[in-house]
Amino acid sequence: MQSLKNIQKIVKEIDIPDSIADQLQAEIRQLEKQLKRNTFAIERLQKDKVITEGFLNTTIQELEESNLQLREYQQKELEQKEKQIKSKEVQLKQITDAMPSSLAYVDRNYCYQINNSRYKKWFGVEVEDLEGKHIITILGKKLFYSKIKSIFDRAFAGEKIQYEIGFTDNEGKKIFRKTTYVPAYNENGENVGAYVFGEDISILRRQQEELAESQQELEKRNKELQKYIESNLQLESFARLASHDLREPLLNIFAFIDLLKEEYSENIGKMGNTYLSYIQKSSKHMERLINDLLNYSTIGKYSQPEVSSLNELIKSILHDFSATISKKNALITYDDLPTIRGYQTELRSLFQNLISNALKYQKTNEPPIIQISVCSKKDHWQFSVKDNGIGIPSEYYEQVFVIYKRLNNRHKQERSTGIGLAHCKKVVELHEGKIWVTSTLDVGTTFHFTISKHLNKIQPNSPVVKNDFVIS
């Protein structure tokens, strides 16, 4: 501005034409106006600069603070994500380690990259020691090259395979494993290896083997049962034959013996009468044999289970034996027996046969002592009939229950049909029980048998007391 004023002063002082001076003065005024505008603009710019610099300083500071906060936030987020990932990894490891199956990831170089703890249990190798190791480490070269490599190659080609193997471990125990191979892919869909799931199916295979053995045993028993059924049918057929065809000749024999005794007793003499007595005795034994056989063949055939008071049953049997009990001076005691549901006629024959044997096979000059006991079990009643008789050798414990099997010379004064204990066994089996014997020679014998509660129990057994039946 000062320069323009100096120029105006000089123009006035020098002698120049007025038109030129006026033109110069106009130009100077124009320049002066322009200079003022420029000066204002510069001052405005300077003010804006100060404002902008302050704003920029403030903005940069804020940005630095924001960046710091962002970095802190991102760091916290990263740490939180890392914790979550580690937590997920721990959970995943716990889940895979808890699996009953082995789990592994094998890359295309046949090397383990991931294994769960089942490998340690199955193969005795630490999981950490397997990472990056070739699967030959576990399986061995022979198995790898003979079978496993080709399976992995198929899995690497995209095929899912199941493979089962059986072997014997170091303890000689048979082991069966089922292994599933599943192809593994990356995010681009490229095969990078295979997941391997191994399942121990030893228990299942052993159960299948046991089932197969049981089925074979069942088939064997079914065949035996069929033979038994056929045998029973034959026995029933024979029993019908015996009841009709054998009894008629026996009746004729009895009739002829009575006729001979009545009309020819004096003519045949003493020896002849002795022979007739032998014939008559043998014929009666034959009749008993036929009757016992008929009874044996019809056990459970023509009756239904019904309520039976065993106390009343035993009293009735002892009444029937009262003459023998009196003659032998026998002592018979029995517990308070339960009321059961069973085949009454067959139960009577069971106890009757056992008591009869105990009375029959006594020791010389020693009165029989017989005790009948009962014990309540979870699913059955267990009975015992104990005597103080001559006893049974242990080698005959099974044989005594076989039909027509008699113990030779067991008691010379008694002659049995060999059916009584076989009859008892069949009655016990009819009641879903079993029968067995324990004995000591010259001390006594105890017959034990059970009867299922599923058939029989209708009221609780009362407290055990003793009932004595003595005739002297």
Protein backbone atom coordinates (compact mmCIF):
# COMPACT_ATOMS: atom_id res chain seq x y z
CA MET A 1 0.00 0.00 0.00
CA GLN A 2 2.80 2.46 0.86
CA SER A 3 4.45 1.77 -2.46
CA LEU A 4 1.28 2.74 -4.34
CA LYS A 5 1.04 6.02 -2.40
CA ASN A 6 4.64 6.82 -3.29
CA ILE A 7 3.85 6.17 -6.94
CA GLN A 8 0.82 8.51 -6.77
CA LYS A 9 3.02 11.25 -5.26
CA ILE A 10 5.63 10.92 -7.98
CA VAL A 11 2.99 11.06 -10.71
CA LYS A 12 1.74 14.37 -9.32
CA GLU A 13 5.20 15.84 -9.10
CA ILE A 14 6.39 14.99 -12.59
CA ASP A 15 5.14 16.82 -15.58
CA ILE A 16 3.17 14.44 -17.69
CA PRO A 17 0.06 14.86 -19.71
CA ASP A 18 -3.13 14.89 -17.72
CA SER A 19 -4.67 12.03 -19.73
CA ILE A 20 -1.74 9.78 -18.92
CA ALA A 21 -1.72 10.91 -15.31
CA ASP A 22 -5.40 10.23 -14.98
CA GLN A 23 -4.94 6.80 -16.50
CA LEU A 24 -2.05 6.04 -14.13
CA GLN A 25 -4.08 7.25 -11.19
CA ALA A 26 -6.97 4.97 -12.22
CA GLU A 27 -4.62 2.05 -12.54
CA ILE A 28 -3.08 2.80 -9.19
CA ARG A 29 -6.53 2.96 -7.55
CA GLN A 30 -7.41 -0.34 -9.22
CA LEU A 31 -4.21 -1.87 -7.92
CA GLU A 32 -4.93 -0.41 -4.52
CA LYS A 33 -8.35 -2.07 -4.43
CA GLN A 34 -6.88 -5.35 -5.59
CA LEU A 35 -4.18 -5.10 -3.00
CA LYS A 36 -6.74 -4.51 -0.29
CA ARG A 37 -8.68 -7.60 -1.42
CA ASN A 38 -5.49 -9.66 -1.49
CA THR A 39 -4.49 -8.37 1.92
CA PHE A 40 -7.93 -9.35 3.30
CA ALA A 41 -7.69 -12.72 1.68
CA ILE A 42 -4.23 -13.26 3.11
CA GLU A 43 -5.40 -12.25 6.56
CA ARG A 44 -8.39 -14.64 6.16
CA LEU A 45 -6.10 -17.38 5.07
CA GLN A 46 -3.82 -16.78 7.99
CA LYS A 47 -6.79 -16.92 10.34
CA ASP A 48 -8.04 -20.11 8.63
CA LYS A 49 -4.57 -21.56 8.88
CA VAL A 50 -4.50 -20.94 12.60
CA ILE A 51 -7.98 -22.47 12.94
CA THR A 52 -7.08 -25.39 10.66
CA GLU A 53 -3.84 -26.05 12.46
CA GLY A 54 -5.69 -26.06 15.78
CA PHE A 55 -8.37 -28.34 14.36
CA LEU A 56 -5.80 -30.60 12.81
CA ASN A 57 -3.86 -30.77 16.04
CA THR A 58 -7.04 -31.57 17.93
CA THR A 59 -8.13 -34.13 15.30
CA ILE A 60 -4.73 -35.83 15.22
CA GLN A 61 -4.75 -36.08 19.01
CA GLU A 62 -8.26 -37.47 18.98
CA LEU A 63 -7.31 -39.89 16.24
CA GLU A 64 -4.28 -41.03 18.20
CA GLU A 65 -6.42 -41.52 21.28
CA SER A 66 -9.05 -43.33 19.23
CA ASN A 67 -6.41 -45.52 17.63
CA LEU A 68 -5.04 -46.33 21.07
CA GLN A 69 -8.49 -47.23 22.33
CA LEU A 70 -9.14 -49.27 19.21
CA ARG A 71 -5.87 -51.13 19.61
CA GLU A 72 -6.69 -51.82 23.28
CA TYR A 73 -10.18 -53.01 22.34
CA GLN A 74 -8.83 -55.17 19.54
CA GLN A 75 -6.23 -56.62 21.90
CA LYS A 76 -8.91 -57.47 24.45
CA GLU A 77 -11.10 -58.96 21.74
CA LEU A 78 -8.16 -60.99 20.47
CA GLU A 79 -7.34 -62.21 23.96
CA GLN A 80 -11.00 -63.11 24.54
CA LYS A 81 -11.16 -64.96 21.23
CA GLU A 82 -7.96 -66.81 22.07
CA LYS A 83 -9.41 -67.81 25.46
CA GLN A 84 -12.61 -69.00 23.77
CA ILE A 85 -10.61 -70.94 21.19
CA LYS A 86 -8.45 -72.53 23.90
CA SER A 87 -11.58 -73.35 25.92
CA LYS A 88 -13.17 -74.93 22.84
CA GLU A 89 -9.97 -76.86 22.16
CA VAL A 90 -9.95 -78.16 25.75
CA GLN A 91 -13.62 -79.11 25.51
CA LEU A 92 -13.09 -80.75 22.14
CA LYS A 93 -10.13 -82.70 23.51
CA GLN A 94 -12.15 -83.78 26.55
CA ILE A 95 -14.97 -84.89 24.27
CA THR A 96 -12.68 -86.79 21.91
CA ASP A 97 -10.76 -88.33 24.81
CA ALA A 98 -14.05 -89.44 26.40
CA MET A 99 -15.13 -91.17 23.20
CA PRO A 100 -15.16 -94.97 23.38
CA SER A 101 -13.65 -94.92 19.90
CA SER A 102 -10.18 -93.92 18.79
CA LEU A 103 -10.00 -90.78 16.66
CA ALA A 104 -7.15 -89.65 14.39
CA TYR A 105 -6.48 -87.31 11.52
CA VAL A 106 -3.89 -88.66 9.06
CA ASP A 107 -2.47 -86.47 6.29
CA ARG A 108 -1.68 -87.60 2.76
CA ASN A 109 1.83 -88.57 3.86
CA TYR A 110 0.28 -91.20 6.14
CA CYS A 111 1.37 -89.25 9.22
CA TYR A 112 -0.68 -88.66 12.37
CA GLN A 113 -1.63 -85.03 12.99
CA ILE A 114 -4.38 -85.48 15.59
CA ASN A 115 -5.04 -88.38 18.01
CA ASN A 116 -7.27 -88.79 21.02
CA SER A 117 -6.22 -90.50 24.27
CA ARG A 118 -7.80 -93.81 23.23
CA TYR A 119 -4.58 -94.50 21.34
CA LYS A 120 -2.67 -94.60 24.61
CA LYS A 121 -5.16 -97.05 26.11
CA TRP A 122 -5.24 -99.28 23.05
CA PHE A 123 -1.63 -99.04 21.88
CA GLY A 124 0.29 -97.81 24.94
CA VAL A 125 1.67 -94.75 23.13
CA GLU A 126 1.53 -91.15 24.35
CA VAL A 127 -0.61 -88.97 22.06
CA GLU A 128 2.07 -86.25 21.97
CA ASP A 129 4.60 -88.78 20.69
CA LEU A 130 2.43 -89.63 17.67
CA GLU A 131 2.07 -86.15 16.17
CA GLY A 132 3.83 -86.06 12.81
CA LYS A 133 4.77 -89.76 13.04
CA HIS A 134 4.06 -92.25 10.25
CA ILE A 135 1.23 -94.70 11.02
CA ILE A 136 3.73 -97.53 10.70
CA THR A 137 4.71 -96.47 14.24
CA ILE A 138 1.49 -98.05 15.47
CA LEU A 139 0.53 -100.60 12.86
CA GLY A 140 3.89 -101.92 11.69
CA LYS A 141 5.15 -102.31 8.14
CA LYS A 142 3.54 -105.66 7.39
CA LEU A 143 -0.02 -104.60 8.19
CA PHE A 144 0.48 -101.15 6.64
CA TYR A 145 1.71 -102.36 3.26
CA SER A 146 -0.51 -105.45 3.10
CA LYS A 147 -3.85 -103.80 3.91
CA ILE A 148 -3.95 -100.35 5.51
CA LYS A 149 -2.12 -98.33 2.82
CA SER A 150 -4.58 -99.32 0.11
CA ILE A 151 -7.49 -98.37 2.39
CA PHE A 152 -6.01 -94.92 3.04
CA ASP A 153 -5.40 -94.46 -0.69
CA ARG A 154 -9.08 -95.13 -1.33
CA ALA A 155 -10.01 -92.61 1.39
CA PHE A 156 -7.64 -90.03 -0.14
CA ALA A 157 -9.50 -90.60 -3.41
CA GLY A 158 -12.78 -89.64 -1.73
CA GLU A 159 -14.18 -93.01 -0.66
CA LYS A 160 -15.60 -93.74 2.82
CA ILE A 161 -14.50 -97.21 3.99
CA GLN A 162 -15.26 -99.48 6.94
CA TYR A 163 -12.77 -102.18 7.85
CA GLU A 164 -12.90 -104.83 10.57
CA ILE A 165 -9.92 -106.69 12.00
CA GLY A 166 -9.48 -109.36 14.64
CA PHE A 167 -6.26 -110.19 16.46
CA THR A 168 -4.91 -111.59 19.72
CA ASP A 169 -3.27 -109.20 22.16
CA ASN A 170 -0.21 -109.81 24.34
CA GLU A 171 -2.37 -111.40 27.05
CA GLY A 172 -3.84 -113.90 24.58
CA LYS A 173 -7.20 -112.13 24.53
CA LYS A 174 -9.11 -111.93 21.25
CA ILE A 175 -9.64 -108.32 20.14
CA PHE A 176 -11.97 -107.12 17.38
CA ARG A 177 -11.91 -103.57 16.01
CA LYS A 178 -14.04 -101.83 13.39
CA THR A 179 -12.37 -98.82 11.73
CA THR A 180 -14.06 -96.15 9.59
CA TYR A 181 -12.03 -94.00 7.16
CA VAL A 182 -13.60 -90.66 6.14
CA PRO A 183 -11.98 -88.33 3.54
CA ALA A 184 -10.86 -84.88 4.84
CA TYR A 185 -11.02 -81.73 2.69
CA ASN A 186 -9.75 -78.14 2.97
CA GLU A 187 -11.73 -74.96 2.24
CA ASN A 188 -11.02 -75.35 -1.50
CA GLY A 189 -12.51 -78.84 -1.57
CA GLU A 190 -9.10 -80.48 -1.97
CA ASN A 191 -8.41 -83.76 -0.18
CA VAL A 192 -5.82 -83.25 2.55
CA GLY A 193 -6.01 -86.61 4.34
CA ALA A 194 -8.49 -88.82 6.20
CA TYR A 195 -10.22 -89.02 9.57
CA VAL A 196 -9.96 -92.45 11.19
CA PHE A 197 -12.51 -93.67 13.76
CA GLY A 198 -11.73 -96.94 15.54
CA GLU A 199 -14.36 -98.82 17.55
CA ASP A 200 -13.65 -101.73 19.89
CA ILE A 201 -16.32 -104.34 19.09
CA SER A 202 -14.71 -107.18 21.05
CA ILE A 203 -17.63 -107.44 23.50
CA LEU A 204 -20.13 -107.44 20.64
CA ARG A 205 -18.22 -110.14 18.74
CA ARG A 206 -17.83 -112.27 21.86
CA GLN A 207 -21.55 -111.88 22.55
CA GLN A 208 -22.27 -112.90 18.95
CA GLU A 209 -20.01 -115.91 19.35
CA GLU A 210 -21.69 -116.79 22.65
CA LEU A 211 -25.08 -116.29 20.98
CA ALA A 212 -24.06 -118.60 18.15
CA GLU A 213 -22.85 -121.17 20.70
CA SER A 214 -26.11 -120.72 22.63
CA GLN A 215 -28.08 -121.21 19.44
CA GLN A 216 -26.13 -124.38 18.70
CA GLU A 217 -26.72 -125.53 22.27
CA LEU A 218 -30.40 -124.62 21.92
CA GLU A 219 -30.64 -126.59 18.70
CA LYS A 220 -28.95 -129.50 20.42
CA ARG A 221 -31.34 -129.26 23.36
CA ASN A 222 -34.29 -128.93 20.98
CA LYS A 223 -33.21 -132.14 19.32
CA GLU A 224 -32.86 -133.77 22.74
CA LEU A 225 -36.28 -132.39 23.68
CA GLN A 226 -37.74 -133.76 20.49
CA LYS A 227 -36.24 -137.14 21.30
CA TYR A 228 -37.59 -136.78 24.83
CA ILE A 229 -41.05 -135.95 23.50
CA GLU A 230 -40.88 -138.87 21.10
CA SER A 231 -39.69 -141.05 23.97
CA ASN A 232 -42.59 -139.85 26.13
CA LEU A 233 -45.01 -140.55 23.31
CA GLN A 234 -43.54 -144.02 23.00
CA LEU A 235 -43.78 -144.41 26.77
CA GLU A 236 -47.43 -143.34 26.73
CA SER A 237 -48.05 -145.75 23.90
CA PHE A 238 -46.34 -148.49 25.86
CA ALA A 239 -48.30 -147.54 28.97
CA ARG A 240 -51.56 -147.91 27.06
CA LEU A 241 -50.31 -151.26 25.82
CA ALA A 242 -49.37 -152.26 29.37
CA SER A 243 -52.73 -151.24 30.77
CA HIS A 244 -54.64 -153.37 28.30
CA ASP A 245 -52.47 -156.10 26.85
CA LEU A 246 -50.24 -156.88 29.84
CA ARG A 247 -52.83 -156.72 32.57
CA GLU A 248 -55.06 -159.32 30.96
CA PRO A 249 -52.39 -162.05 31.06
CA LEU A 250 -51.58 -161.08 34.64
CA LEU A 251 -55.23 -161.42 35.62
CA ASN A 252 -55.25 -164.87 34.00
CA ILE A 253 -52.11 -165.81 35.95
CA PHE A 254 -53.70 -164.68 39.23
CA ALA A 255 -56.85 -166.63 38.37
CA PHE A 256 -54.92 -169.82 37.55
CA ILE A 257 -52.83 -169.49 40.75
CA ASP A 258 -55.98 -169.17 42.85
CA LEU A 259 -57.52 -172.11 40.98
CA LEU A 260 -54.45 -174.30 41.50
CA LYS A 261 -54.32 -173.43 45.19
CA GLU A 262 -57.99 -174.17 45.70
CA GLU A 263 -58.30 -177.39 43.71
CA TYR A 264 -54.82 -178.84 43.41
CA SER A 265 -53.03 -177.62 46.51
CA GLU A 266 -52.83 -181.11 48.00
CA ASN A 267 -51.84 -182.73 44.71
CA ILE A 268 -48.85 -180.47 43.93
CA GLY A 269 -47.34 -180.85 47.37
CA LYS A 270 -45.31 -178.43 49.48
CA MET A 271 -42.74 -177.63 46.80
CA GLY A 272 -45.47 -176.96 44.24
CA ASN A 273 -47.20 -174.53 46.60
CA THR A 274 -43.87 -172.80 47.19
CA TYR A 275 -43.47 -172.35 43.45
CA LEU A 276 -47.00 -170.98 43.21
CA SER A 277 -46.17 -168.47 45.95
CA TYR A 278 -43.07 -167.36 43.99
CA ILE A 279 -45.15 -167.01 40.83
CA GLN A 280 -47.82 -165.08 42.68
CA LYS A 281 -45.24 -162.74 44.28
CA SER A 282 -43.53 -162.10 40.93
CA SER A 283 -46.86 -161.46 39.27
CA LYS A 284 -47.79 -158.92 41.94
CA HIS A 285 -44.43 -157.24 41.45
CA MET A 286 -45.15 -157.15 37.74
CA GLU A 287 -48.53 -155.59 38.47
CA ARG A 288 -46.89 -152.94 40.65
CA LEU A 289 -44.37 -152.27 37.90
CA ILE A 290 -47.15 -151.77 35.36
CA ASN A 291 -49.09 -149.49 37.72
CA ASP A 292 -45.99 -147.42 38.51
CA LEU A 293 -45.18 -147.13 34.83
CA LEU A 294 -48.72 -145.99 34.08
CA ASN A 295 -48.55 -143.43 36.88
CA TYR A 296 -45.15 -142.19 35.66
CA SER A 297 -46.36 -141.78 32.08
CA THR A 298 -49.43 -139.77 33.11
CA ILE A 299 -47.78 -137.31 35.55
CA GLY A 300 -49.41 -133.90 34.99
CA LYS A 301 -51.50 -135.20 32.06
CA TYR A 302 -54.94 -135.29 33.57
CA SER A 303 -54.88 -132.68 36.31
CA GLN A 304 -54.54 -128.94 36.77
CA PRO A 305 -52.68 -126.93 39.45
CA GLU A 306 -54.80 -126.21 42.49
CA VAL A 307 -54.40 -124.86 46.01
CA SER A 308 -52.83 -127.45 48.29
CA SER A 309 -52.14 -127.25 52.01
CA LEU A 310 -48.96 -129.26 52.43
CA ASN A 311 -49.61 -129.61 56.16
CA GLU A 312 -52.88 -131.40 55.43
CA LEU A 313 -51.21 -133.39 52.66
CA ILE A 314 -48.45 -134.69 54.98
CA LYS A 315 -51.00 -135.55 57.71
CA SER A 316 -52.97 -137.62 55.19
CA ILE A 317 -49.84 -139.44 53.99
CA LEU A 318 -48.70 -140.20 57.54
CA HIS A 319 -52.17 -141.56 58.30
CA ASP A 320 -51.81 -143.92 55.34
CA PHE A 321 -48.40 -145.02 56.68
CA SER A 322 -49.61 -145.32 60.27
CA ALA A 323 -49.30 -149.11 60.37
CA THR A 324 -45.73 -149.04 59.03
CA ILE A 325 -44.80 -146.14 61.32
CA SER A 326 -46.16 -148.06 64.30
CA LYS A 327 -44.41 -151.27 63.28
CA LYS A 328 -41.03 -149.60 62.83
CA ASN A 329 -41.47 -147.26 65.83
CA ALA A 330 -40.63 -144.35 63.52
CA LEU A 331 -40.44 -140.65 64.44
CA ILE A 332 -41.48 -138.20 61.72
CA THR A 333 -41.39 -134.41 62.20
CA TYR A 334 -42.19 -131.64 59.76
CA ASP A 335 -42.07 -127.84 59.69
CA ASP A 336 -45.17 -125.72 59.33
CA LEU A 337 -45.42 -126.09 55.57
CA PRO A 338 -46.79 -123.49 53.13
CA THR A 339 -50.02 -123.58 51.22
CA ILE A 340 -49.13 -123.66 47.55
CA ARG A 341 -50.63 -123.97 44.10
CA GLY A 342 -49.57 -127.22 42.47
CA TYR A 343 -50.62 -130.58 41.12
CA GLN A 344 -52.14 -132.14 44.24
CA THR A 345 -52.04 -135.80 43.20
CA GLU A 346 -48.46 -135.49 41.96
CA LEU A 347 -47.34 -133.61 45.11
CA ARG A 348 -48.85 -136.37 47.22
CA SER A 349 -46.93 -139.04 45.29
CA LEU A 350 -43.71 -136.97 45.64
CA PHE A 351 -43.81 -136.80 49.43
CA GLN A 352 -45.22 -140.32 49.67
CA ASN A 353 -42.31 -141.81 47.71
CA LEU A 354 -39.67 -139.94 49.71
CA ILE A 355 -41.23 -140.85 53.07
CA SER A 356 -41.70 -144.46 51.93
CA ASN A 357 -38.02 -144.73 50.98
CA ALA A 358 -36.95 -143.22 54.30
CA LEU A 359 -39.08 -145.80 56.15
CA LYS A 360 -37.96 -148.64 53.91
CA TYR A 361 -34.18 -148.22 53.94
CA GLN A 362 -33.60 -148.04 57.68
CA LYS A 363 -30.61 -149.28 59.61
CA THR A 364 -30.92 -152.59 61.42
CA ASN A 365 -32.28 -152.28 64.97
CA GLU A 366 -32.53 -148.49 64.76
CA PRO A 367 -35.95 -146.78 64.48
CA PRO A 368 -36.31 -144.44 61.49
CA ILE A 369 -36.12 -140.70 62.24
CA ILE A 370 -37.44 -138.55 59.39
CA GLN A 371 -37.48 -134.76 59.25
CA ILE A 372 -39.31 -132.70 56.60
CA SER A 373 -38.11 -129.08 56.34
CA VAL A 374 -38.86 -126.07 54.16
CA CYS A 375 -37.01 -122.84 53.40
CA SER A 376 -38.40 -119.83 51.53
CA LYS A 377 -36.19 -118.50 48.70
CA LYS A 378 -36.73 -115.55 46.38
CA ASP A 379 -38.38 -117.48 43.54
CA HIS A 380 -39.05 -120.91 44.99
CA TRP A 381 -39.60 -123.07 48.04
CA GLN A 382 -36.79 -125.43 48.98
CA PHE A 383 -37.82 -128.65 50.75
CA SER A 384 -35.77 -131.43 52.28
CA VAL A 385 -36.64 -134.92 53.53
CA LYS A 386 -33.92 -136.18 55.85
CA ASP A 387 -33.56 -139.66 57.33
CA ASN A 388 -31.09 -141.62 59.48
CA GLY A 389 -31.02 -144.64 57.19
CA ILE A 390 -28.32 -146.68 55.49
CA GLY A 391 -27.22 -143.90 53.11
CA ILE A 392 -26.36 -143.80 49.41
CA PRO A 393 -22.85 -144.01 47.89
CA SER A 394 -21.90 -140.72 46.20
CA GLU A 395 -21.34 -142.38 42.83
CA TYR A 396 -25.07 -143.15 42.68
CA TYR A 397 -26.34 -139.59 43.39
CA GLU A 398 -27.41 -139.12 39.74
CA GLN A 399 -28.29 -142.71 38.97
CA VAL A 400 -31.00 -142.97 41.65
CA PHE A 401 -33.26 -140.62 39.64
CA VAL A 402 -33.06 -142.65 36.43
CA ILE A 403 -36.05 -144.86 35.67
CA TYR A 404 -35.46 -148.59 36.30
CA LYS A 405 -32.05 -147.86 37.89
CA ARG A 406 -31.93 -149.66 41.23
CA LEU A 407 -29.01 -149.79 43.61
CA ASN A 408 -28.09 -153.48 43.79
CA ASN A 409 -27.86 -154.89 47.32
CA ARG A 410 -28.95 -151.55 48.79
CA HIS A 411 -31.49 -153.37 50.91
CA LYS A 412 -31.85 -157.09 50.45
CA GLN A 413 -35.22 -157.31 52.18
CA GLU A 414 -36.94 -154.81 49.89
CA ARG A 415 -37.61 -155.09 46.21
CA SER A 416 -38.51 -151.89 44.31
CA THR A 417 -39.63 -151.24 40.76
CA GLY A 418 -36.90 -148.63 40.16
CA ILE A 419 -39.44 -145.94 39.27
CA GLY A 420 -40.09 -144.16 42.59
CA LEU A 421 -37.30 -141.55 42.51
CA ALA A 422 -37.63 -141.09 38.74
CA HIS A 423 -41.29 -140.37 39.48
CA CYS A 424 -40.23 -137.78 42.10
CA LYS A 425 -37.88 -136.11 39.64
CA LYS A 426 -40.61 -135.79 37.03
CA VAL A 427 -43.06 -134.33 39.58
CA VAL A 428 -40.48 -131.75 40.73
CA GLU A 429 -39.73 -130.76 37.13
CA LEU A 430 -43.48 -130.42 36.54
CA HIS A 431 -43.38 -127.75 39.27
CA GLU A 432 -40.39 -126.01 37.58
CA GLY A 433 -37.96 -127.20 40.23
CA LYS A 434 -35.01 -129.51 40.62
CA ILE A 435 -34.17 -132.41 42.94
CA TRP A 436 -30.86 -133.68 44.29
CA VAL A 437 -29.54 -135.87 47.08
CA THR A 438 -26.83 -135.70 49.74
CA SER A 439 -25.93 -138.69 51.83
CA THR A 440 -23.42 -140.26 54.19
CA LEU A 441 -23.20 -144.04 54.37
CA ASP A 442 -24.54 -145.45 57.65
CA VAL A 443 -25.52 -141.94 58.78
CA GLY A 444 -28.44 -140.98 56.59
CA THR A 445 -29.75 -139.39 53.41
CA THR A 446 -31.36 -136.05 52.59
CA PHE A 447 -33.40 -135.45 49.45
CA HIS A 448 -33.63 -131.78 48.51
CA PHE A 449 -36.06 -130.34 45.96
CA THR A 450 -37.48 -126.99 44.93
CA ILE A 451 -40.93 -125.85 43.77
CA SER A 452 -41.39 -122.59 41.89
CA LYS A 453 -43.27 -119.79 43.61
CA HIS A 454 -44.52 -118.62 40.25
CA LEU A 455 -46.94 -121.53 40.39
CA ASN A 456 -47.68 -122.01 44.01
CA LYS A 457 -47.43 -119.35 46.69
CA ILE A 458 -50.80 -117.90 47.77
CA GLN A 459 -50.13 -116.95 51.36
CA PRO A 460 -47.02 -116.17 53.42
CA ASN A 461 -45.36 -119.03 55.20
CA SER A 462 -46.13 -118.87 58.90
CA PRO A 463 -43.35 -119.02 61.53
CA VAL A 464 -41.66 -122.42 61.56
CA VAL A 465 -42.89 -124.78 64.23
CA LYS A 466 -42.58 -128.53 64.59
CA ASN A 467 -45.33 -131.09 64.16
CA ASP A 468 -44.60 -134.53 65.55
CA PHE A 469 -46.25 -137.74 64.38
CA VAL A 470 -45.23 -140.67 66.59
CA ILE A 471 -46.84 -144.07 67.00
CA SER A 472 -45.04 -146.40 69.39
